[in-house]
Amino acid sequence: MSRTVLNLYEAKTSLSKLVDRAAAGEETIIAKAGRPVAKLVPFEARPEKRVPGGWQGKVRIAEDFDAPLADDVLAAFEGDS
């Protein structure tokens, strides 16, 4: 992978070309006042395949999870405690 170092002004004026070069595999370092501050690199999508059932046996939901709250608990949530 080749690498180029440009100052911020040069990068701003040639962003479209830099994006094309990054897509082709080139890495660009962008500097501000001679100090490197950012890196433009090719995007590499890495889709993670979902494996269903990963939490099976690790999570338990109570039968009454959606039952109405007790009056005192509901009052505390509403700020009436």
C-alpha atoms as a PDB file:
ATOM      1  CA  MET A   1       0.000   0.000   0.000  1.00  0.00           C
ATOM      2  CA  SER A   2       1.529   3.317  -1.008  1.00  0.00           C
ATOM      3  CA  ARG A   3       1.365   6.354   1.248  1.00  0.00           C
ATOM      4  CA  THR A   4       1.146  10.090   0.526  1.00  0.00           C
ATOM      5  CA  VAL A   5       1.415  13.012   2.964  1.00  0.00           C
ATOM      6  CA  LEU A   6      -0.482  16.214   2.116  1.00  0.00           C
ATOM      7  CA  ASN A   7      -1.251  19.375   4.007  1.00  0.00           C
ATOM      8  CA  LEU A   8      -4.866  20.169   4.805  1.00  0.00           C
ATOM      9  CA  TYR A   9      -5.251  22.783   2.058  1.00  0.00           C
ATOM     10  CA  GLU A  10      -3.985  20.370  -0.619  1.00  0.00           C
ATOM     11  CA  ALA A  11      -6.290  17.646   0.677  1.00  0.00           C
ATOM     12  CA  LYS A  12      -9.323  19.957   0.609  1.00  0.00           C
ATOM     13  CA  THR A  13      -8.675  21.021  -2.963  1.00  0.00           C
ATOM     14  CA  SER A  14      -8.194  17.466  -4.228  1.00  0.00           C
ATOM     15  CA  LEU A  15     -10.537  15.445  -2.015  1.00  0.00           C
ATOM     16  CA  SER A  16     -12.295  13.731  -4.907  1.00  0.00           C
ATOM     17  CA  LYS A  17      -8.991  12.503  -6.356  1.00  0.00           C
ATOM     18  CA  LEU A  18      -7.813  11.390  -2.917  1.00  0.00           C
ATOM     19  CA  VAL A  19     -10.982   9.353  -2.416  1.00  0.00           C
ATOM     20  CA  ASP A  20     -10.438   7.653  -5.780  1.00  0.00           C
ATOM     21  CA  ARG A  21      -6.838   6.900  -4.821  1.00  0.00           C
ATOM     22  CA  ALA A  22      -7.941   5.517  -1.458  1.00  0.00           C
ATOM     23  CA  ALA A  23     -10.460   3.277  -3.205  1.00  0.00           C
ATOM     24  CA  ALA A  24      -7.557   1.990  -5.297  1.00  0.00           C
ATOM     25  CA  GLY A  25      -5.629   1.091  -2.141  1.00  0.00           C
ATOM     26  CA  GLU A  26      -3.526   4.184  -1.456  1.00  0.00           C
ATOM     27  CA  GLU A  27      -3.210   5.605   2.052  1.00  0.00           C
ATOM     28  CA  THR A  28      -3.064   9.402   2.501  1.00  0.00           C
ATOM     29  CA  ILE A  29      -1.863  11.181   5.627  1.00  0.00           C
ATOM     30  CA  ILE A  30      -3.305  14.678   6.094  1.00  0.00           C
ATOM     31  CA  ALA A  31      -1.198  17.155   8.051  1.00  0.00           C
ATOM     32  CA  LYS A  32      -2.045  20.497   9.633  1.00  0.00           C
ATOM     33  CA  ALA A  33       0.856  22.865  10.228  1.00  0.00           C
ATOM     34  CA  GLY A  34       3.220  20.027   9.340  1.00  0.00           C
ATOM     35  CA  ARG A  35       1.774  17.700  11.996  1.00  0.00           C
ATOM     36  CA  PRO A  36      -0.110  14.559  10.857  1.00  0.00           C
ATOM     37  CA  VAL A  37      -3.718  14.723  12.071  1.00  0.00           C
ATOM     38  CA  ALA A  38      -5.743  12.301   9.924  1.00  0.00           C
ATOM     39  CA  LYS A  39      -5.428   9.286   7.670  1.00  0.00           C
ATOM     40  CA  LEU A  40      -7.526   8.527   4.585  1.00  0.00           C
ATOM     41  CA  VAL A  41      -7.529   4.786   3.919  1.00  0.00           C
ATOM     42  CA  PRO A  42      -9.536   2.375   1.752  1.00  0.00           C
ATOM     43  CA  PHE A  43     -12.839   1.303   3.275  1.00  0.00           C
ATOM     44  CA  GLU A  44     -13.004  -2.385   4.052  1.00  0.00           C
ATOM     45  CA  ALA A  45     -16.478  -3.650   4.815  1.00  0.00           C
ATOM     46  CA  ARG A  46     -16.409  -6.644   7.088  1.00  0.00           C
ATOM     47  CA  PRO A  47     -19.931  -7.905   7.458  1.00  0.00           C
ATOM     48  CA  GLU A  48     -20.348  -9.911  10.603  1.00  0.00           C
ATOM     49  CA  LYS A  49     -22.667 -12.802  10.120  1.00  0.00           C
ATOM     50  CA  ARG A  50     -25.295 -13.007  12.801  1.00  0.00           C
ATOM     51  CA  VAL A  51     -25.567 -16.311  14.591  1.00  0.00           C
ATOM     52  CA  PRO A  52     -29.121 -16.706  15.904  1.00  0.00           C
ATOM     53  CA  GLY A  53     -29.554 -18.023  19.424  1.00  0.00           C
ATOM     54  CA  GLY A  54     -26.357 -16.557  20.854  1.00  0.00           C
ATOM     55  CA  TRP A  55     -28.130 -15.529  24.085  1.00  0.00           C
ATOM     56  CA  GLN A  56     -30.141 -18.746  24.421  1.00  0.00           C
ATOM     57  CA  GLY A  57     -29.935 -20.028  27.986  1.00  0.00           C
ATOM     58  CA  LYS A  58     -28.213 -16.833  29.173  1.00  0.00           C
ATOM     59  CA  VAL A  59     -31.251 -14.564  29.542  1.00  0.00           C
ATOM     60  CA  ARG A  60     -34.390 -15.251  31.543  1.00  0.00           C
ATOM     61  CA  ILE A  61     -37.518 -13.130  31.218  1.00  0.00           C
ATOM     62  CA  ALA A  62     -39.945 -13.426  34.102  1.00  0.00           C
ATOM     63  CA  GLU A  63     -43.508 -14.423  33.296  1.00  0.00           C
ATOM     64  CA  ASP A  64     -44.766 -11.176  34.847  1.00  0.00           C
ATOM     65  CA  PHE A  65     -42.264  -8.805  33.189  1.00  0.00           C
ATOM     66  CA  ASP A  66     -45.073  -6.720  31.709  1.00  0.00           C
ATOM     67  CA  ALA A  67     -47.421  -6.875  34.710  1.00  0.00           C
ATOM     68  CA  PRO A  68     -48.593  -3.549  36.188  1.00  0.00           C
ATOM     69  CA  LEU A  69     -46.245  -2.028  38.737  1.00  0.00           C
ATOM     70  CA  ALA A  70     -47.099  -1.921  42.415  1.00  0.00           C
ATOM     71  CA  ASP A  71     -48.611   1.431  43.434  1.00  0.00           C
ATOM     72  CA  ASP A  72     -45.586   2.506  45.494  1.00  0.00           C
ATOM     73  CA  VAL A  73     -43.141   1.663  42.677  1.00  0.00           C
ATOM     74  CA  LEU A  74     -45.283   3.465  40.104  1.00  0.00           C
ATOM     75  CA  ALA A  75     -45.484   6.492  42.391  1.00  0.00           C
ATOM     76  CA  ALA A  76     -41.679   6.553  42.682  1.00  0.00           C
ATOM     77  CA  PHE A  77     -41.313   6.527  38.879  1.00  0.00           C
ATOM     78  CA  GLU A  78     -43.799   9.365  38.584  1.00  0.00           C
ATOM     79  CA  GLY A  79     -42.026  11.410  41.257  1.00  0.00           C
ATOM     80  CA  ASP A  80     -44.806  11.072  43.824  1.00  0.00           C
ATOM     81  CA  SER A  81     -42.752   9.188  46.390  1.00  0.00           C
END
